[in-house]
Amino acid sequence: MSRDIDYGNLMHSAMRGLIRTVLEDVAEHGLPGNHHFFITFDTTHPDAQLAEWLADRYPGEMTVVMQHWFDNLDVGEDGFGISLNFGDAPEALYIPYDAIKTFVDPSVEFGLRFESTDQDDDDDLMDHDGDDAEDATDEEPVKADADVVSLDSFRK
């Protein structure tokens, strides 16, 4: 009986582990230098927790920004909790790692995109323009053009 190595899911697991490690460091030491994160996640994920008004406003996905103000960052095995400012009102969120669609640190032009396809999951690097944004912004899904992406195509 033959079996295949599921590289797509292994990469997803490794990249979500990278996000967890980064968030653990931020929870312990704070954001260093100009680092900040744009995190887009699936608001319909069964384990995602967010205020009802946010779920209504962002019925499929939402992008949050960890930059100037965040509180109560609690990094766990399966996801992280955080309080973010929405219109001068703090709101608690719980974001499972499996719900994350993109993770971008524009200060160093680093980004990950997690996409599901009918057959496999693929990871691609994504460039972000680095513009400051509110704590929640709409973002159009980005389609993968290929399974293999040259890093040179993302350098400025």
N, C-alpha and C. Protein backbone atom coordinates (compact mmCIF):
# COMPACT_ATOMS: atom_id res chain seq x y z
N MET A 1 0.85 -1.17 0.00
CA MET A 1 0.00 0.00 0.00
C MET A 1 0.90 1.24 0.00
N SER A 2 0.67 2.13 -0.95
CA SER A 2 1.50 3.33 -1.01
C SER A 2 0.79 4.50 -0.34
N ARG A 3 1.57 5.43 0.13
CA ARG A 3 1.03 6.64 0.73
C ARG A 3 1.87 7.81 0.26
N ASP A 4 1.28 8.98 0.28
CA ASP A 4 1.99 10.18 -0.14
C ASP A 4 2.31 11.04 1.07
N ILE A 5 3.37 11.79 0.96
CA ILE A 5 3.71 12.78 1.98
C ILE A 5 2.87 14.01 1.68
N ASP A 6 2.13 14.47 2.65
CA ASP A 6 1.23 15.61 2.49
C ASP A 6 1.98 16.91 2.78
N TYR A 7 2.78 17.35 1.80
CA TYR A 7 3.62 18.53 1.99
C TYR A 7 2.80 19.79 2.27
N GLY A 8 1.65 19.92 1.63
CA GLY A 8 0.81 21.10 1.84
C GLY A 8 0.41 21.26 3.30
N ASN A 9 -0.10 20.20 3.90
CA ASN A 9 -0.50 20.29 5.31
C ASN A 9 0.69 20.40 6.24
N LEU A 10 1.81 19.76 5.89
CA LEU A 10 3.01 19.91 6.70
C LEU A 10 3.51 21.35 6.70
N MET A 11 3.46 22.00 5.51
CA MET A 11 3.86 23.41 5.43
C MET A 11 2.92 24.29 6.23
N HIS A 12 1.63 24.05 6.13
CA HIS A 12 0.66 24.83 6.92
C HIS A 12 0.97 24.71 8.40
N SER A 13 1.21 23.51 8.85
CA SER A 13 1.52 23.28 10.26
C SER A 13 2.79 24.03 10.67
N ALA A 14 3.82 23.95 9.85
CA ALA A 14 5.08 24.64 10.15
C ALA A 14 4.91 26.15 10.17
N MET A 15 4.18 26.69 9.22
CA MET A 15 3.99 28.15 9.15
C MET A 15 3.11 28.64 10.28
N ARG A 16 2.12 27.87 10.68
CA ARG A 16 1.30 28.26 11.83
C ARG A 16 2.14 28.18 13.12
N GLY A 17 3.06 27.22 13.17
CA GLY A 17 4.00 27.16 14.30
C GLY A 17 4.90 28.38 14.34
N LEU A 18 5.32 28.86 13.18
CA LEU A 18 6.12 30.08 13.10
C LEU A 18 5.33 31.27 13.64
N ILE A 19 4.07 31.39 13.24
CA ILE A 19 3.22 32.48 13.74
C ILE A 19 3.09 32.39 15.25
N ARG A 20 2.87 31.18 15.76
CA ARG A 20 2.76 31.00 17.20
C ARG A 20 4.04 31.44 17.91
N THR A 21 5.19 31.04 17.39
CA THR A 21 6.47 31.41 18.00
C THR A 21 6.66 32.93 18.01
N VAL A 22 6.32 33.58 16.90
CA VAL A 22 6.42 35.04 16.82
C VAL A 22 5.51 35.69 17.86
N LEU A 23 4.27 35.22 17.95
CA LEU A 23 3.32 35.80 18.90
C LEU A 23 3.74 35.55 20.35
N GLU A 24 4.32 34.39 20.62
CA GLU A 24 4.82 34.11 21.97
C GLU A 24 5.91 35.12 22.34
N ASP A 25 6.80 35.42 21.41
CA ASP A 25 7.86 36.40 21.66
C ASP A 25 7.26 37.78 21.90
N VAL A 26 6.26 38.16 21.11
CA VAL A 26 5.62 39.47 21.28
C VAL A 26 4.90 39.53 22.63
N ALA A 27 4.26 38.44 23.04
CA ALA A 27 3.57 38.41 24.33
C ALA A 27 4.54 38.61 25.48
N GLU A 28 5.75 38.06 25.33
CA GLU A 28 6.75 38.15 26.38
C GLU A 28 7.52 39.47 26.36
N HIS A 29 7.86 39.97 25.15
CA HIS A 29 8.76 41.11 25.05
C HIS A 29 8.16 42.34 24.38
N GLY A 30 6.97 42.24 23.82
CA GLY A 30 6.38 43.34 23.07
C GLY A 30 6.86 43.34 21.63
N LEU A 31 6.27 44.21 20.82
CA LEU A 31 6.67 44.32 19.41
C LEU A 31 7.99 45.06 19.30
N PRO A 32 9.00 44.47 18.66
CA PRO A 32 10.28 45.16 18.53
C PRO A 32 10.28 46.13 17.35
N GLY A 33 10.96 47.25 17.50
CA GLY A 33 11.17 48.20 16.40
C GLY A 33 9.90 48.60 15.71
N ASN A 34 9.92 48.53 14.39
CA ASN A 34 8.77 48.92 13.57
C ASN A 34 7.87 47.75 13.21
N HIS A 35 8.13 46.58 13.78
CA HIS A 35 7.32 45.41 13.46
C HIS A 35 5.85 45.64 13.82
N HIS A 36 4.98 45.20 12.95
CA HIS A 36 3.53 45.18 13.20
C HIS A 36 2.92 44.16 12.26
N PHE A 37 1.74 43.68 12.61
CA PHE A 37 1.16 42.56 11.88
C PHE A 37 -0.23 42.89 11.37
N PHE A 38 -0.50 42.46 10.16
CA PHE A 38 -1.83 42.44 9.58
C PHE A 38 -2.22 40.96 9.54
N ILE A 39 -3.28 40.61 10.24
CA ILE A 39 -3.70 39.21 10.31
C ILE A 39 -5.13 39.11 9.80
N THR A 40 -5.31 38.42 8.68
CA THR A 40 -6.65 38.19 8.14
C THR A 40 -7.08 36.80 8.56
N PHE A 41 -8.30 36.71 9.07
CA PHE A 41 -8.79 35.41 9.52
C PHE A 41 -10.25 35.20 9.14
N ASP A 42 -10.64 33.95 9.13
CA ASP A 42 -11.99 33.52 8.79
C ASP A 42 -12.89 33.73 10.01
N THR A 43 -13.81 34.69 9.92
CA THR A 43 -14.69 34.99 11.05
C THR A 43 -15.76 33.92 11.26
N THR A 44 -15.91 33.01 10.29
CA THR A 44 -16.90 31.94 10.43
C THR A 44 -16.30 30.65 10.98
N HIS A 45 -15.00 30.65 11.23
CA HIS A 45 -14.36 29.45 11.80
C HIS A 45 -15.08 29.09 13.10
N PRO A 46 -15.40 27.81 13.32
CA PRO A 46 -16.20 27.44 14.50
C PRO A 46 -15.56 27.79 15.84
N ASP A 47 -14.24 27.93 15.90
CA ASP A 47 -13.58 28.25 17.16
C ASP A 47 -13.21 29.72 17.30
N ALA A 48 -13.45 30.52 16.26
CA ALA A 48 -13.16 31.96 16.34
C ALA A 48 -14.18 32.60 17.29
N GLN A 49 -13.68 33.53 18.09
CA GLN A 49 -14.56 34.24 19.02
C GLN A 49 -14.37 35.73 18.80
N LEU A 50 -15.49 36.41 18.51
CA LEU A 50 -15.47 37.85 18.32
C LEU A 50 -16.86 38.38 18.63
N ALA A 51 -16.93 39.67 18.93
CA ALA A 51 -18.20 40.30 19.26
C ALA A 51 -19.19 40.11 18.12
N GLU A 52 -20.45 39.99 18.47
CA GLU A 52 -21.49 39.77 17.46
C GLU A 52 -21.51 40.88 16.41
N TRP A 53 -21.30 42.12 16.86
CA TRP A 53 -21.33 43.23 15.90
C TRP A 53 -20.17 43.15 14.91
N LEU A 54 -19.02 42.61 15.35
CA LEU A 54 -17.89 42.43 14.43
C LEU A 54 -18.18 41.29 13.45
N ALA A 55 -18.75 40.21 13.94
CA ALA A 55 -19.10 39.09 13.05
C ALA A 55 -20.13 39.54 12.01
N ASP A 56 -21.06 40.40 12.41
CA ASP A 56 -22.06 40.92 11.47
C ASP A 56 -21.40 41.83 10.44
N ARG A 57 -20.46 42.65 10.88
CA ARG A 57 -19.80 43.60 9.98
C ARG A 57 -18.82 42.90 9.04
N TYR A 58 -18.20 41.82 9.51
CA TYR A 58 -17.22 41.06 8.72
C TYR A 58 -17.68 39.60 8.65
N PRO A 59 -18.68 39.32 7.81
CA PRO A 59 -19.31 37.99 7.82
C PRO A 59 -18.46 36.85 7.25
N GLY A 60 -17.35 37.13 6.59
CA GLY A 60 -16.52 36.05 6.03
C GLY A 60 -15.10 36.09 6.52
N GLU A 61 -14.50 37.26 6.46
CA GLU A 61 -13.13 37.41 6.94
C GLU A 61 -12.92 38.84 7.43
N MET A 62 -11.90 38.98 8.25
CA MET A 62 -11.57 40.28 8.82
C MET A 62 -10.06 40.37 8.94
N THR A 63 -9.53 41.56 8.72
CA THR A 63 -8.11 41.82 8.93
C THR A 63 -7.95 42.69 10.16
N VAL A 64 -7.14 42.22 11.11
CA VAL A 64 -6.85 42.99 12.30
C VAL A 64 -5.39 43.43 12.24
N VAL A 65 -5.10 44.52 12.92
CA VAL A 65 -3.74 45.07 12.94
C VAL A 65 -3.23 45.06 14.37
N MET A 66 -2.08 44.44 14.56
CA MET A 66 -1.38 44.51 15.85
C MET A 66 -0.25 45.50 15.68
N GLN A 67 -0.44 46.71 16.23
CA GLN A 67 0.60 47.71 16.06
C GLN A 67 0.70 48.60 17.27
N HIS A 68 -0.07 49.68 17.30
CA HIS A 68 0.08 50.68 18.35
C HIS A 68 -0.56 50.27 19.67
N TRP A 69 -1.74 49.66 19.61
CA TRP A 69 -2.43 49.32 20.84
C TRP A 69 -3.02 47.92 20.72
N PHE A 70 -2.62 47.06 21.61
CA PHE A 70 -3.25 45.76 21.80
C PHE A 70 -2.98 45.36 23.24
N ASP A 71 -3.81 44.49 23.76
CA ASP A 71 -3.70 44.11 25.16
C ASP A 71 -4.10 42.64 25.31
N ASN A 72 -3.74 42.07 26.43
CA ASN A 72 -4.16 40.72 26.80
C ASN A 72 -3.81 39.67 25.74
N LEU A 73 -2.64 39.78 25.14
CA LEU A 73 -2.20 38.78 24.17
C LEU A 73 -1.92 37.48 24.92
N ASP A 74 -2.71 36.47 24.62
CA ASP A 74 -2.59 35.17 25.27
C ASP A 74 -2.44 34.11 24.18
N VAL A 75 -1.22 33.62 24.03
CA VAL A 75 -0.88 32.69 22.95
C VAL A 75 -1.03 31.27 23.46
N GLY A 76 -1.88 30.50 22.78
CA GLY A 76 -2.13 29.13 23.19
C GLY A 76 -1.71 28.13 22.13
N GLU A 77 -2.01 26.88 22.39
CA GLU A 77 -1.65 25.78 21.50
C GLU A 77 -2.38 25.85 20.16
N ASP A 78 -3.66 26.21 20.18
CA ASP A 78 -4.48 26.17 18.98
C ASP A 78 -4.83 27.54 18.41
N GLY A 79 -4.53 28.60 19.16
CA GLY A 79 -4.87 29.94 18.71
C GLY A 79 -4.44 30.96 19.74
N PHE A 80 -4.83 32.21 19.51
CA PHE A 80 -4.44 33.25 20.45
C PHE A 80 -5.61 34.19 20.73
N GLY A 81 -5.60 34.71 21.95
CA GLY A 81 -6.58 35.71 22.35
C GLY A 81 -5.90 37.06 22.40
N ILE A 82 -6.65 38.10 22.10
CA ILE A 82 -6.10 39.45 22.09
C ILE A 82 -7.23 40.45 22.22
N SER A 83 -6.95 41.58 22.85
CA SER A 83 -7.89 42.69 22.86
C SER A 83 -7.34 43.76 21.94
N LEU A 84 -8.20 44.23 21.01
CA LEU A 84 -7.83 45.26 20.05
C LEU A 84 -8.81 46.41 20.14
N ASN A 85 -8.37 47.56 19.67
CA ASN A 85 -9.17 48.77 19.73
C ASN A 85 -9.97 48.94 18.44
N PHE A 86 -11.29 48.99 18.56
CA PHE A 86 -12.18 49.22 17.43
C PHE A 86 -12.97 50.49 17.72
N GLY A 87 -12.59 51.60 17.08
CA GLY A 87 -13.30 52.86 17.32
C GLY A 87 -13.24 53.29 18.77
N ASP A 88 -12.07 53.23 19.38
CA ASP A 88 -11.85 53.60 20.77
C ASP A 88 -12.58 52.71 21.77
N ALA A 89 -12.95 51.51 21.35
CA ALA A 89 -13.57 50.55 22.26
C ALA A 89 -12.82 49.22 22.15
N PRO A 90 -12.21 48.77 23.26
CA PRO A 90 -11.49 47.50 23.20
C PRO A 90 -12.46 46.32 23.06
N GLU A 91 -12.07 45.38 22.20
CA GLU A 91 -12.86 44.16 21.99
C GLU A 91 -11.92 42.96 22.08
N ALA A 92 -12.36 41.94 22.78
CA ALA A 92 -11.58 40.70 22.89
C ALA A 92 -11.88 39.81 21.70
N LEU A 93 -10.83 39.19 21.16
CA LEU A 93 -10.95 38.25 20.06
C LEU A 93 -10.20 36.98 20.42
N TYR A 94 -10.65 35.86 19.88
CA TYR A 94 -9.86 34.63 19.91
C TYR A 94 -9.75 34.16 18.46
N ILE A 95 -8.53 34.02 17.99
CA ILE A 95 -8.28 33.65 16.60
C ILE A 95 -7.54 32.31 16.57
N PRO A 96 -8.19 31.25 16.12
CA PRO A 96 -7.50 29.97 15.97
C PRO A 96 -6.48 30.06 14.84
N TYR A 97 -5.35 29.40 14.99
CA TYR A 97 -4.33 29.42 13.93
C TYR A 97 -4.91 28.89 12.62
N ASP A 98 -5.80 27.90 12.71
CA ASP A 98 -6.40 27.33 11.51
C ASP A 98 -7.32 28.30 10.79
N ALA A 99 -7.74 29.38 11.47
CA ALA A 99 -8.62 30.38 10.84
C ALA A 99 -7.82 31.45 10.10
N ILE A 100 -6.51 31.52 10.33
CA ILE A 100 -5.69 32.57 9.72
C ILE A 100 -5.56 32.33 8.22
N LYS A 101 -5.87 33.36 7.45
CA LYS A 101 -5.72 33.31 5.99
C LYS A 101 -4.44 34.01 5.54
N THR A 102 -4.10 35.13 6.18
CA THR A 102 -2.84 35.81 5.88
C THR A 102 -2.23 36.35 7.16
N PHE A 103 -0.90 36.37 7.18
CA PHE A 103 -0.13 36.96 8.26
C PHE A 103 0.96 37.77 7.59
N VAL A 104 0.95 39.09 7.81
CA VAL A 104 1.89 39.97 7.12
C VAL A 104 2.57 40.89 8.13
N ASP A 105 3.88 41.01 8.02
CA ASP A 105 4.65 42.01 8.75
C ASP A 105 5.28 42.93 7.69
N PRO A 106 4.59 44.03 7.35
CA PRO A 106 5.07 44.89 6.26
C PRO A 106 6.38 45.60 6.59
N SER A 107 6.76 45.68 7.86
CA SER A 107 7.99 46.37 8.21
C SER A 107 9.22 45.67 7.65
N VAL A 108 9.10 44.37 7.40
CA VAL A 108 10.22 43.60 6.84
C VAL A 108 9.79 42.87 5.56
N GLU A 109 8.65 43.27 4.99
CA GLU A 109 8.13 42.68 3.75
C GLU A 109 8.01 41.17 3.85
N PHE A 110 7.46 40.70 4.97
CA PHE A 110 7.25 39.27 5.19
C PHE A 110 5.76 38.99 5.21
N GLY A 111 5.36 37.93 4.53
CA GLY A 111 3.95 37.57 4.58
C GLY A 111 3.73 36.11 4.25
N LEU A 112 2.68 35.58 4.84
CA LEU A 112 2.24 34.21 4.56
C LEU A 112 0.78 34.26 4.16
N ARG A 113 0.41 33.42 3.21
CA ARG A 113 -1.00 33.29 2.84
C ARG A 113 -1.34 31.81 2.87
N PHE A 114 -2.42 31.48 3.53
CA PHE A 114 -2.91 30.11 3.61
C PHE A 114 -4.16 30.04 2.75
N GLU A 115 -4.13 29.18 1.75
CA GLU A 115 -5.30 29.01 0.88
C GLU A 115 -5.70 27.57 0.87
N SER A 116 -6.99 27.34 0.81
CA SER A 116 -7.52 26.00 0.66
C SER A 116 -7.96 25.82 -0.77
N THR A 117 -7.65 24.67 -1.31
CA THR A 117 -8.14 24.31 -2.62
C THR A 117 -8.95 23.03 -2.45
N ASP A 118 -9.55 22.57 -3.51
CA ASP A 118 -10.35 21.35 -3.41
C ASP A 118 -9.50 20.14 -3.07
N GLN A 119 -8.22 20.16 -3.47
CA GLN A 119 -7.37 19.00 -3.25
C GLN A 119 -6.41 19.18 -2.09
N ASP A 120 -5.75 20.31 -2.01
CA ASP A 120 -4.68 20.54 -1.04
C ASP A 120 -4.75 21.95 -0.52
N ASP A 121 -3.93 22.22 0.47
CA ASP A 121 -3.69 23.58 0.92
C ASP A 121 -2.33 24.00 0.39
N ASP A 122 -2.22 25.27 -0.04
CA ASP A 122 -0.96 25.78 -0.55
C ASP A 122 -0.56 27.02 0.24
N ASP A 123 0.73 27.19 0.50
CA ASP A 123 1.25 28.39 1.15
C ASP A 123 1.97 29.21 0.10
N ASP A 124 1.70 30.50 0.08
CA ASP A 124 2.40 31.40 -0.81
C ASP A 124 2.85 32.60 0.00
N LEU A 125 3.93 33.20 -0.41
CA LEU A 125 4.33 34.46 0.18
C LEU A 125 3.51 35.57 -0.42
N MET A 126 3.22 36.59 0.39
CA MET A 126 2.42 37.71 -0.08
C MET A 126 3.12 39.00 0.30
N ASP A 127 3.18 39.94 -0.60
CA ASP A 127 3.74 41.25 -0.33
C ASP A 127 2.61 42.17 0.11
N HIS A 128 2.91 43.09 0.98
CA HIS A 128 1.92 44.05 1.46
C HIS A 128 2.50 45.43 1.27
N ASP A 129 1.66 46.40 0.99
CA ASP A 129 2.17 47.73 0.69
C ASP A 129 2.65 48.50 1.92
N GLY A 130 2.37 48.01 3.12
CA GLY A 130 2.90 48.64 4.32
C GLY A 130 2.14 49.85 4.79
N ASP A 131 1.01 50.19 4.15
CA ASP A 131 0.24 51.33 4.61
C ASP A 131 -0.38 51.03 5.96
N ASP A 132 -0.43 52.03 6.81
CA ASP A 132 -1.11 51.87 8.09
C ASP A 132 -2.59 51.71 7.83
N ALA A 133 -3.26 50.97 8.69
CA ALA A 133 -4.68 50.73 8.54
C ALA A 133 -5.34 50.77 9.91
N GLU A 134 -6.64 50.83 9.91
CA GLU A 134 -7.39 50.73 11.14
C GLU A 134 -7.25 49.31 11.67
N ASP A 135 -7.75 49.06 12.87
CA ASP A 135 -7.63 47.73 13.46
C ASP A 135 -8.42 46.68 12.70
N ALA A 136 -9.41 47.08 11.91
CA ALA A 136 -10.14 46.11 11.11
C ALA A 136 -10.35 46.70 9.72
N THR A 137 -9.98 45.96 8.71
CA THR A 137 -10.15 46.43 7.34
C THR A 137 -10.64 45.30 6.48
N ASP A 138 -11.38 45.62 5.44
CA ASP A 138 -11.78 44.60 4.48
C ASP A 138 -10.62 44.30 3.57
N GLU A 139 -10.49 43.07 3.14
CA GLU A 139 -9.41 42.70 2.24
C GLU A 139 -9.94 41.66 1.27
N GLU A 140 -9.69 41.88 0.00
CA GLU A 140 -10.10 40.92 -1.02
C GLU A 140 -9.22 39.69 -0.94
N PRO A 141 -9.78 38.50 -1.11
CA PRO A 141 -8.93 37.30 -1.14
C PRO A 141 -7.97 37.36 -2.32
N VAL A 142 -6.77 36.87 -2.10
CA VAL A 142 -5.76 36.85 -3.15
C VAL A 142 -5.67 35.43 -3.69
N LYS A 143 -5.74 35.28 -4.98
CA LYS A 143 -5.71 33.96 -5.61
C LYS A 143 -4.27 33.54 -5.88
N ALA A 144 -4.00 32.28 -5.68
CA ALA A 144 -2.66 31.75 -5.96
C ALA A 144 -2.52 31.54 -7.47
N ASP A 145 -1.39 31.96 -8.00
CA ASP A 145 -1.12 31.77 -9.42
C ASP A 145 -0.37 30.48 -9.69
N ALA A 146 0.40 30.01 -8.70
CA ALA A 146 1.21 28.81 -8.91
C ALA A 146 1.53 28.19 -7.57
N ASP A 147 1.99 26.95 -7.60
CA ASP A 147 2.37 26.28 -6.38
C ASP A 147 3.75 26.71 -5.90
N VAL A 148 4.62 27.10 -6.82
CA VAL A 148 5.97 27.52 -6.48
C VAL A 148 6.11 28.99 -6.83
N VAL A 149 6.59 29.78 -5.86
CA VAL A 149 6.71 31.21 -6.06
C VAL A 149 8.15 31.62 -5.81
N SER A 150 8.73 32.36 -6.72
CA SER A 150 10.09 32.86 -6.55
C SER A 150 10.08 34.01 -5.56
N LEU A 151 10.97 33.98 -4.59
CA LEU A 151 11.05 35.06 -3.61
C LEU A 151 11.45 36.38 -4.26
N ASP A 152 12.20 36.33 -5.35
CA ASP A 152 12.62 37.54 -6.03
C ASP A 152 11.44 38.36 -6.52
N SER A 153 10.33 37.71 -6.82
CA SER A 153 9.17 38.44 -7.33
C SER A 153 8.52 39.32 -6.27
N PHE A 154 8.89 39.12 -5.00
CA PHE A 154 8.29 39.90 -3.91
C PHE A 154 9.24 40.97 -3.37
N ARG A 155 10.42 41.03 -3.87
CA ARG A 155 11.38 42.03 -3.40
C ARG A 155 11.15 43.34 -4.14
N LYS A 156 11.35 44.44 -3.41
CA LYS A 156 11.17 45.77 -4.03
C LYS A 156 12.48 46.31 -4.51
